[in-house]
Amino acid sequence: MQRPLLELAAIVGTAGHRFMNRPPAWFTWLHLRVLVAIEQCRTATMGGHLDQCSACGQQTISYNSCRNRHCPKCQNRARDRWVGARRAELLAVPYSHVVFTIPRHLGALALQNKQVIYGLLFRCSAETLLEIAADPQHLGAEIGFFAVLHTWNQKLQHHPHVHCVVPAGGLSPDHTRWVHLPNPRFFLPEAVLSEVFRGKFIEALHEAYASGQLQFHGLLRGLAHPKLFQSLIRQLHEPDWVVYCKPPFGGPEQVLRYLGAYTHRVAISNHRLVSFADDQVSFRWRDSVHHNKKRLLTLTADEFLRRFLLHVLPRGFVRIRHFGFLASRRRGTLVPLCKSLLDAAVPGPPLPAQSDNPREPSPLWNCPECGGPMVLIQRLTRAQIKRLRSPP
């Protein structure tokens, strides 16, 4: 992929210091940590390493990455590792994509209670899928799936939703056969999913309030009063809760490509950034209302960074989760069972052979001169990097 003309790090390096020197009331150490990591990523400050091509001997100095999950430069390798690990779990069936979204009435409350509200979004959406799929009137099977949390829309505004990728079918209740979809173009009814999801989420929100898990600050302080909180709950019954269920698509290889578009995405990639001049940031966005037409949005640097920082997740919060027969404690047993019942092997390239020498360094990337594997031969400190010529 062609290197982007503008990177988020350049914007953070110029405008981010305003947040650091005169932080807004909502600015926390976690926001500071994200900005510092993005600015320093792949610079001499992070130190580096000397790589050598095992074929032609070409040597190259590379800067270290920050490995922060909000940094757009650090997600490609993490995504590739995760997708590679999922290859062994893919089944030779079509897959379906289901999206659960909470209404805008909960936006402010979610920002003040990310750990709780996002956790409820995961739990209630998973329970909804598992319950409806197990109902004999719909599928009558135990399904497995993974879910990924996104908290943004194309304009970087707050829009919490969960993407679920589900094999189109499941295990029979007695685990003796694979249950295929009655209609290959239809997974589960959106109206039923929406209604059940709304009921489960509102009930869980009641429980979180009663147990004192929710915090209320600023303009939301009044919600600490039971009557005002009940008023919010009544508003949640009015709108239709958005659950979007795409028709089943493709097989295992298509799913692998599909996963890469969702699993390790950050709020905005460097390739969407267009310009940064006169304290204005312009970036591309897709207008879903008008057939995903690409448009340009310009914001002040402060507003751009404010929107970006809306999507910083709590420390330790897991944004990719597995459920059903793909849950961590069950997939080791149930995934081989699913494959045996389907009587089909998952296509794909063979796994790399294990090296006879466990100390042999593993390839990092390909040599720019001959294409051979580059391996790490020396780690460099910040001071050592300064004494050497900077990498290109």
Protein backbone atom coordinates (compact mmCIF):
# COMPACT_ATOMS: atom_id res chain seq x y z
CA MET A 1 0.00 0.00 0.00
CA GLN A 2 1.26 3.47 -0.89
CA ARG A 3 2.54 5.54 2.01
CA PRO A 4 0.01 8.20 3.12
CA LEU A 5 0.79 11.85 2.42
CA LEU A 6 -0.31 12.88 5.93
CA GLU A 7 -0.17 10.98 9.21
CA LEU A 8 -2.09 11.40 12.44
CA ALA A 9 1.24 11.73 14.24
CA ALA A 10 1.92 15.03 12.42
CA ILE A 11 -1.39 16.47 13.61
CA VAL A 12 -0.81 15.26 17.16
CA GLY A 13 2.72 16.65 17.16
CA THR A 14 1.45 20.13 16.29
CA ALA A 15 -2.03 20.47 17.80
CA GLY A 16 -1.88 17.75 20.45
CA HIS A 17 0.36 19.82 22.71
CA ARG A 18 -2.53 22.20 23.33
CA PHE A 19 -4.38 19.34 24.97
CA MET A 20 -1.30 18.41 26.96
CA ASN A 21 -0.49 21.95 28.12
CA ARG A 22 -4.07 23.20 28.64
CA PRO A 23 -6.10 20.02 29.03
CA PRO A 24 -9.92 20.19 28.88
CA ALA A 25 -11.87 18.98 31.90
CA TRP A 26 -12.50 15.58 30.29
CA PHE A 27 -8.84 14.99 29.40
CA THR A 28 -7.28 12.12 31.39
CA TRP A 29 -3.88 10.44 31.68
CA LEU A 30 -5.17 7.78 29.28
CA HIS A 31 -5.78 10.40 26.56
CA LEU A 32 -2.31 11.82 27.24
CA ARG A 33 -0.75 8.39 26.93
CA VAL A 34 -2.44 7.79 23.56
CA LEU A 35 -1.31 11.14 22.13
CA VAL A 36 2.28 10.68 23.31
CA ALA A 37 2.42 7.15 21.90
CA ILE A 38 1.09 8.22 18.49
CA GLU A 39 3.51 11.15 18.26
CA GLN A 40 6.54 9.06 19.19
CA CYS A 41 5.63 5.94 17.20
CA ARG A 42 8.45 4.90 14.84
CA THR A 43 10.71 7.78 15.83
CA ALA A 44 14.18 7.80 17.40
CA THR A 45 12.55 8.37 20.81
CA MET A 46 11.24 4.79 20.77
CA GLY A 47 14.64 3.29 19.98
CA GLY A 48 15.01 0.87 17.11
CA HIS A 49 16.59 -2.25 15.69
CA LEU A 50 19.08 -3.21 13.02
CA ASP A 51 17.69 -5.68 10.47
CA GLN A 52 19.68 -7.69 7.94
CA CYS A 53 18.58 -9.54 4.82
CA SER A 54 19.42 -13.22 5.13
CA ALA A 55 19.80 -13.43 1.35
CA CYS A 56 21.87 -10.43 0.21
CA GLY A 57 23.14 -9.04 3.53
CA GLN A 58 21.48 -5.62 3.12
CA GLN A 59 21.22 -3.87 6.51
CA THR A 60 18.51 -1.39 7.51
CA ILE A 61 17.76 0.54 10.70
CA SER A 62 14.10 0.59 11.71
CA TYR A 63 12.43 2.57 14.49
CA ASN A 64 10.29 0.75 17.04
CA SER A 65 6.50 1.00 17.06
CA CYS A 66 4.48 2.24 20.03
CA ARG A 67 2.09 -0.77 19.85
CA ASN A 68 -0.76 1.36 21.18
CA ARG A 69 -4.07 -0.06 19.94
CA HIS A 70 -5.33 3.43 19.02
CA CYS A 71 -2.36 4.14 16.74
CA PRO A 72 -3.17 3.73 13.02
CA LYS A 73 0.42 2.69 12.21
CA CYS A 74 0.54 -0.22 14.66
CA GLN A 75 -2.53 -2.24 13.70
CA ASN A 76 -1.53 -3.99 10.46
CA ARG A 77 0.81 -6.55 12.05
CA ALA A 78 -1.56 -7.13 14.98
CA ARG A 79 -4.41 -7.66 12.52
CA ASP A 80 -2.40 -10.11 10.41
CA ARG A 81 -1.43 -12.14 13.48
CA TRP A 82 -5.03 -12.26 14.73
CA VAL A 83 -6.49 -13.18 11.35
CA GLY A 84 -3.84 -15.87 10.92
CA ALA A 85 -4.77 -17.35 14.27
CA ARG A 86 -8.43 -17.44 13.25
CA ARG A 87 -7.74 -19.44 10.07
CA ALA A 88 -7.81 -22.75 11.95
CA GLU A 89 -11.26 -21.89 13.37
CA LEU A 90 -12.99 -21.12 10.07
CA LEU A 91 -15.69 -23.48 8.86
CA ALA A 92 -16.56 -24.40 5.28
CA VAL A 93 -19.91 -22.60 5.39
CA PRO A 94 -21.15 -19.12 4.43
CA TYR A 95 -20.85 -16.43 7.12
CA SER A 96 -23.26 -13.70 8.17
CA HIS A 97 -22.54 -10.18 9.44
CA VAL A 98 -24.81 -8.75 12.18
CA VAL A 99 -24.47 -5.23 13.60
CA PHE A 100 -25.98 -4.10 16.94
CA THR A 101 -26.21 -0.36 17.67
CA ILE A 102 -27.36 1.47 20.82
CA PRO A 103 -29.57 4.57 20.35
CA ARG A 104 -28.18 8.10 20.48
CA HIS A 105 -30.03 8.76 23.78
CA LEU A 106 -27.34 6.70 25.51
CA GLY A 107 -24.38 8.46 23.89
CA ALA A 108 -23.49 10.85 26.71
CA LEU A 109 -24.05 8.19 29.37
CA ALA A 110 -21.83 5.77 27.45
CA LEU A 111 -18.98 8.30 27.27
CA GLN A 112 -19.04 8.68 31.06
CA ASN A 113 -19.37 4.92 31.65
CA LYS A 114 -17.47 3.27 28.80
CA GLN A 115 -16.49 0.16 30.73
CA VAL A 116 -20.09 -0.54 31.81
CA ILE A 117 -22.08 0.49 28.72
CA TYR A 118 -19.74 -1.09 26.18
CA GLY A 119 -19.65 -4.23 28.30
CA LEU A 120 -23.46 -4.33 28.29
CA LEU A 121 -23.46 -3.84 24.52
CA PHE A 122 -21.26 -6.92 24.11
CA ARG A 123 -23.22 -9.02 26.60
CA CYS A 124 -26.72 -8.17 25.44
CA SER A 125 -25.97 -8.49 21.74
CA ALA A 126 -24.33 -11.89 22.31
CA GLU A 127 -27.20 -13.14 24.48
CA THR A 128 -29.67 -11.98 21.83
CA LEU A 129 -27.95 -13.86 19.01
CA LEU A 130 -27.50 -17.03 21.05
CA GLU A 131 -31.10 -17.00 22.29
CA ILE A 132 -32.80 -16.34 18.95
CA ALA A 133 -30.58 -18.82 17.12
CA ALA A 134 -31.37 -21.52 19.70
CA ASP A 135 -35.13 -20.99 19.25
CA PRO A 136 -36.56 -23.86 17.13
CA GLN A 137 -38.82 -21.36 15.37
CA HIS A 138 -35.74 -19.73 13.83
CA LEU A 139 -32.60 -21.89 13.63
CA GLY A 140 -32.74 -24.22 16.63
CA ALA A 141 -28.98 -24.48 16.93
CA GLU A 142 -26.02 -23.41 19.03
CA ILE A 143 -24.02 -20.85 17.10
CA GLY A 144 -20.52 -19.44 17.54
CA PHE A 145 -19.22 -16.01 16.57
CA PHE A 146 -16.82 -13.22 17.38
CA ALA A 147 -17.79 -9.60 18.02
CA VAL A 148 -15.78 -6.40 17.48
CA LEU A 149 -16.59 -3.06 19.11
CA HIS A 150 -16.48 0.14 17.06
CA THR A 151 -17.41 3.45 18.68
CA TRP A 152 -17.27 5.82 15.70
CA ASN A 153 -18.98 6.74 12.46
CA GLN A 154 -17.31 8.02 9.31
CA LYS A 155 -17.28 11.60 10.67
CA LEU A 156 -15.50 10.47 13.87
CA GLN A 157 -18.65 11.13 15.91
CA HIS A 158 -19.60 8.88 18.81
CA HIS A 159 -21.54 5.88 17.47
CA PRO A 160 -21.08 2.71 19.57
CA HIS A 161 -21.92 -0.52 17.75
CA VAL A 162 -20.78 -4.13 17.63
CA HIS A 163 -19.95 -6.11 14.47
CA CYS A 164 -20.65 -9.83 14.81
CA VAL A 165 -19.38 -12.33 12.21
CA VAL A 166 -21.29 -15.61 12.50
CA PRO A 167 -21.07 -18.95 10.66
CA ALA A 168 -24.44 -19.37 8.92
CA GLY A 169 -25.60 -22.39 10.89
CA GLY A 170 -24.80 -24.16 14.12
CA LEU A 171 -24.64 -27.29 16.22
CA SER A 172 -27.82 -29.17 17.02
CA PRO A 173 -28.73 -29.15 20.75
CA ASP A 174 -27.40 -32.70 21.17
CA HIS A 175 -24.20 -31.90 19.19
CA THR A 176 -24.77 -34.75 16.74
CA ARG A 177 -25.26 -32.79 13.50
CA TRP A 178 -24.71 -29.42 11.84
CA VAL A 179 -27.89 -27.37 11.36
CA HIS A 180 -27.90 -25.48 8.04
CA LEU A 181 -29.99 -22.38 7.39
CA PRO A 182 -33.52 -23.18 6.17
CA ASN A 183 -33.15 -20.22 3.78
CA PRO A 184 -29.60 -19.73 2.45
CA ARG A 185 -30.29 -16.00 1.90
CA PHE A 186 -31.67 -15.34 5.39
CA PHE A 187 -30.00 -15.70 8.79
CA LEU A 188 -32.17 -14.36 11.64
CA PRO A 189 -35.09 -11.85 11.61
CA GLU A 190 -33.91 -8.30 12.28
CA ALA A 191 -37.19 -7.22 13.93
CA VAL A 192 -37.01 -10.03 16.48
CA LEU A 193 -33.30 -9.40 17.16
CA SER A 194 -33.99 -5.69 17.66
CA GLU A 195 -36.87 -6.24 20.09
CA VAL A 196 -35.04 -8.83 22.20
CA PHE A 197 -31.83 -6.75 22.20
CA ARG A 198 -33.69 -3.67 23.41
CA GLY A 199 -35.38 -5.60 26.22
CA LYS A 200 -32.16 -7.19 27.41
CA PHE A 201 -30.18 -3.94 27.30
CA ILE A 202 -32.79 -1.90 29.19
CA GLU A 203 -33.06 -4.60 31.85
CA ALA A 204 -29.27 -4.74 32.19
CA LEU A 205 -29.12 -0.93 32.40
CA HIS A 206 -31.66 -1.04 35.27
CA GLU A 207 -29.48 -3.55 37.09
CA ALA A 208 -26.34 -1.48 36.56
CA TYR A 209 -28.10 1.61 37.96
CA ALA A 210 -29.52 -0.26 40.98
CA SER A 211 -26.09 -1.72 41.83
CA GLY A 212 -24.38 1.70 41.63
CA GLN A 213 -22.18 0.87 38.65
CA LEU A 214 -23.13 4.02 36.70
CA GLN A 215 -21.53 7.41 37.28
CA PHE A 216 -23.12 10.76 36.43
CA HIS A 217 -21.11 13.94 35.93
CA GLY A 218 -21.73 17.43 34.56
CA LEU A 219 -25.03 17.75 32.71
CA LEU A 220 -25.90 14.14 33.59
CA ARG A 221 -25.79 14.60 37.37
CA GLY A 222 -29.57 14.79 37.50
CA LEU A 223 -29.83 11.20 36.27
CA ALA A 224 -28.63 10.07 39.70
CA HIS A 225 -32.20 10.82 40.84
CA PRO A 226 -34.39 7.73 40.26
CA LYS A 227 -37.26 9.65 38.62
CA LEU A 228 -34.99 11.29 36.05
CA PHE A 229 -33.29 8.01 35.31
CA GLN A 230 -36.70 6.41 34.72
CA SER A 231 -37.45 9.24 32.29
CA LEU A 232 -34.34 8.24 30.31
CA ILE A 233 -35.47 4.60 30.34
CA ARG A 234 -38.87 5.58 28.94
CA GLN A 235 -37.15 7.36 26.05
CA LEU A 236 -35.27 4.17 25.24
CA HIS A 237 -38.52 2.28 24.65
CA GLU A 238 -39.64 4.65 21.88
CA PRO A 239 -37.05 4.31 19.08
CA ASP A 240 -36.40 1.16 17.11
CA TRP A 241 -33.04 -0.25 18.12
CA VAL A 242 -30.95 -0.76 15.03
CA VAL A 243 -29.90 -4.34 14.30
CA TYR A 244 -28.65 -4.91 10.77
CA CYS A 245 -28.25 -8.45 9.47
CA LYS A 246 -26.51 -8.88 6.11
CA PRO A 247 -27.33 -11.96 3.99
CA PRO A 248 -24.80 -14.80 4.40
CA PHE A 249 -21.75 -14.32 2.19
CA GLY A 250 -18.73 -16.24 0.92
CA GLY A 251 -16.68 -18.98 2.46
CA PRO A 252 -13.57 -19.18 4.64
CA GLU A 253 -11.15 -17.34 2.33
CA GLN A 254 -13.59 -14.47 1.80
CA VAL A 255 -14.13 -14.29 5.55
CA LEU A 256 -10.38 -13.93 6.13
CA ARG A 257 -10.32 -10.86 3.88
CA TYR A 258 -13.51 -9.58 5.47
CA LEU A 259 -12.11 -9.87 8.99
CA GLY A 260 -9.18 -7.62 8.19
CA ALA A 261 -11.55 -4.75 7.44
CA TYR A 262 -13.09 -4.80 10.93
CA THR A 263 -10.97 -6.39 13.62
CA HIS A 264 -8.13 -3.93 14.20
CA ARG A 265 -9.53 -0.79 12.66
CA VAL A 266 -8.97 2.47 14.55
CA ALA A 267 -11.21 5.55 14.48
CA ILE A 268 -9.43 6.96 11.43
CA SER A 269 -6.63 5.67 9.24
CA ASN A 270 -3.77 7.77 7.89
CA HIS A 271 -4.95 7.10 4.34
CA ARG A 272 -8.19 9.02 4.98
CA LEU A 273 -6.32 12.19 5.99
CA VAL A 274 -6.11 14.74 3.16
CA SER A 275 -4.58 17.96 4.51
CA PHE A 276 -3.54 19.83 7.64
CA ALA A 277 -3.07 23.57 7.13
CA ASP A 278 -4.04 26.77 8.98
CA ASP A 279 -5.08 24.66 11.98
CA GLN A 280 -7.69 22.87 9.83
CA VAL A 281 -7.78 19.12 9.24
CA SER A 282 -9.53 17.68 6.17
CA PHE A 283 -10.32 14.00 5.76
CA ARG A 284 -12.41 11.73 3.54
CA TRP A 285 -15.60 10.04 4.70
CA ARG A 286 -18.22 7.81 3.08
CA ASP A 287 -21.78 9.09 2.98
CA SER A 288 -23.90 5.97 3.54
CA VAL A 289 -27.11 7.92 2.90
CA HIS A 290 -25.97 8.63 -0.67
CA HIS A 291 -24.64 5.21 -1.74
CA ASN A 292 -21.30 5.56 0.13
CA LYS A 293 -20.26 8.55 -1.94
CA LYS A 294 -16.86 9.85 -0.82
CA ARG A 295 -16.95 13.36 0.63
CA LEU A 296 -14.52 15.72 2.33
CA LEU A 297 -14.96 17.03 5.89
CA THR A 298 -12.89 19.86 7.37
CA LEU A 299 -12.61 20.43 11.14
CA THR A 300 -10.45 22.59 13.35
CA ALA A 301 -7.49 20.67 14.72
CA ASP A 302 -8.90 20.87 18.25
CA GLU A 303 -12.27 19.49 17.17
CA PHE A 304 -10.61 16.77 15.12
CA LEU A 305 -8.54 15.61 18.11
CA ARG A 306 -11.55 15.88 20.42
CA ARG A 307 -13.52 13.55 18.17
CA PHE A 308 -10.58 11.16 17.85
CA LEU A 309 -10.12 10.98 21.62
CA LEU A 310 -13.81 10.14 22.11
CA HIS A 311 -12.88 6.63 20.99
CA VAL A 312 -10.08 5.91 23.46
CA LEU A 313 -11.10 2.72 25.26
CA PRO A 314 -10.64 2.06 28.99
CA ARG A 315 -7.41 0.42 29.95
CA GLY A 316 -7.63 -3.35 29.65
CA PHE A 317 -10.99 -3.30 27.88
CA VAL A 318 -11.23 -6.21 25.40
CA ARG A 319 -12.70 -5.03 22.10
CA ILE A 320 -12.73 -8.40 20.28
CA ARG A 321 -14.68 -11.15 22.03
CA HIS A 322 -15.75 -14.71 21.17
CA PHE A 323 -19.04 -16.40 22.04
CA GLY A 324 -20.90 -19.67 21.65
CA PHE A 325 -18.85 -22.58 20.34
CA LEU A 326 -16.06 -20.10 19.50
CA ALA A 327 -15.68 -19.02 23.15
CA SER A 328 -12.14 -19.53 24.45
CA ARG A 329 -13.00 -22.40 26.79
CA ARG A 330 -15.08 -24.29 24.23
CA ARG A 331 -13.59 -23.85 20.77
CA GLY A 332 -10.79 -26.36 21.34
CA THR A 333 -13.43 -29.10 21.56
CA LEU A 334 -16.35 -27.79 19.54
CA VAL A 335 -14.60 -26.38 16.46
CA PRO A 336 -13.11 -29.82 15.51
CA LEU A 337 -16.55 -31.29 16.15
CA CYS A 338 -18.15 -28.76 13.78
CA LYS A 339 -15.58 -29.57 11.10
CA SER A 340 -16.12 -33.28 11.43
CA LEU A 341 -19.88 -32.84 11.18
CA LEU A 342 -19.48 -30.65 8.12
CA ASP A 343 -17.05 -33.25 6.74
CA ALA A 344 -14.97 -30.55 5.03
CA ALA A 345 -11.52 -29.14 5.52
CA VAL A 346 -10.92 -25.39 5.56
CA PRO A 347 -8.99 -24.37 2.40
CA GLY A 348 -5.92 -22.25 2.75
CA PRO A 349 -2.13 -22.29 2.49
CA PRO A 350 -0.29 -24.70 4.78
CA LEU A 351 1.13 -23.45 8.05
CA PRO A 352 4.86 -22.55 7.97
CA ALA A 353 7.12 -25.37 9.03
CA GLN A 354 8.72 -25.14 12.45
CA SER A 355 12.43 -24.41 12.41
CA ASP A 356 14.80 -27.12 13.62
CA ASN A 357 16.75 -24.42 15.41
CA PRO A 358 14.54 -22.69 18.01
CA ARG A 359 17.04 -19.85 18.28
CA GLU A 360 16.87 -19.02 14.58
CA PRO A 361 15.44 -15.50 14.22
CA SER A 362 12.07 -15.26 12.52
CA PRO A 363 11.59 -13.05 9.44
CA LEU A 364 10.33 -9.51 10.15
CA TRP A 365 9.70 -8.17 6.64
CA ASN A 366 11.05 -8.45 3.11
CA CYS A 367 14.26 -6.89 1.89
CA PRO A 368 13.65 -3.79 -0.30
CA GLU A 369 16.60 -4.80 -2.52
CA CYS A 370 16.11 -8.51 -3.24
CA GLY A 371 12.87 -9.45 -1.49
CA GLY A 372 14.57 -11.87 0.90
CA PRO A 373 13.52 -12.22 4.57
CA MET A 374 14.82 -9.53 6.92
CA VAL A 375 15.79 -10.68 10.41
CA LEU A 376 16.66 -8.70 13.52
CA ILE A 377 20.33 -8.79 14.45
CA GLN A 378 20.64 -5.96 17.02
CA ARG A 379 18.36 -3.86 19.20
CA LEU A 380 19.26 -0.17 19.41
CA THR A 381 18.65 2.28 22.24
CA ARG A 382 17.62 5.88 21.72
CA ALA A 383 21.23 7.00 22.26
CA GLN A 384 22.57 4.47 19.77
CA ILE A 385 19.99 5.55 17.18
CA LYS A 386 21.17 9.17 17.46
CA ARG A 387 24.74 8.17 16.73
CA LEU A 388 23.71 6.36 13.55
CA ARG A 389 22.28 7.69 10.33
CA SER A 390 18.49 8.01 10.56
CA PRO A 391 16.49 5.45 8.62
CA PRO A 392 14.66 6.69 5.51
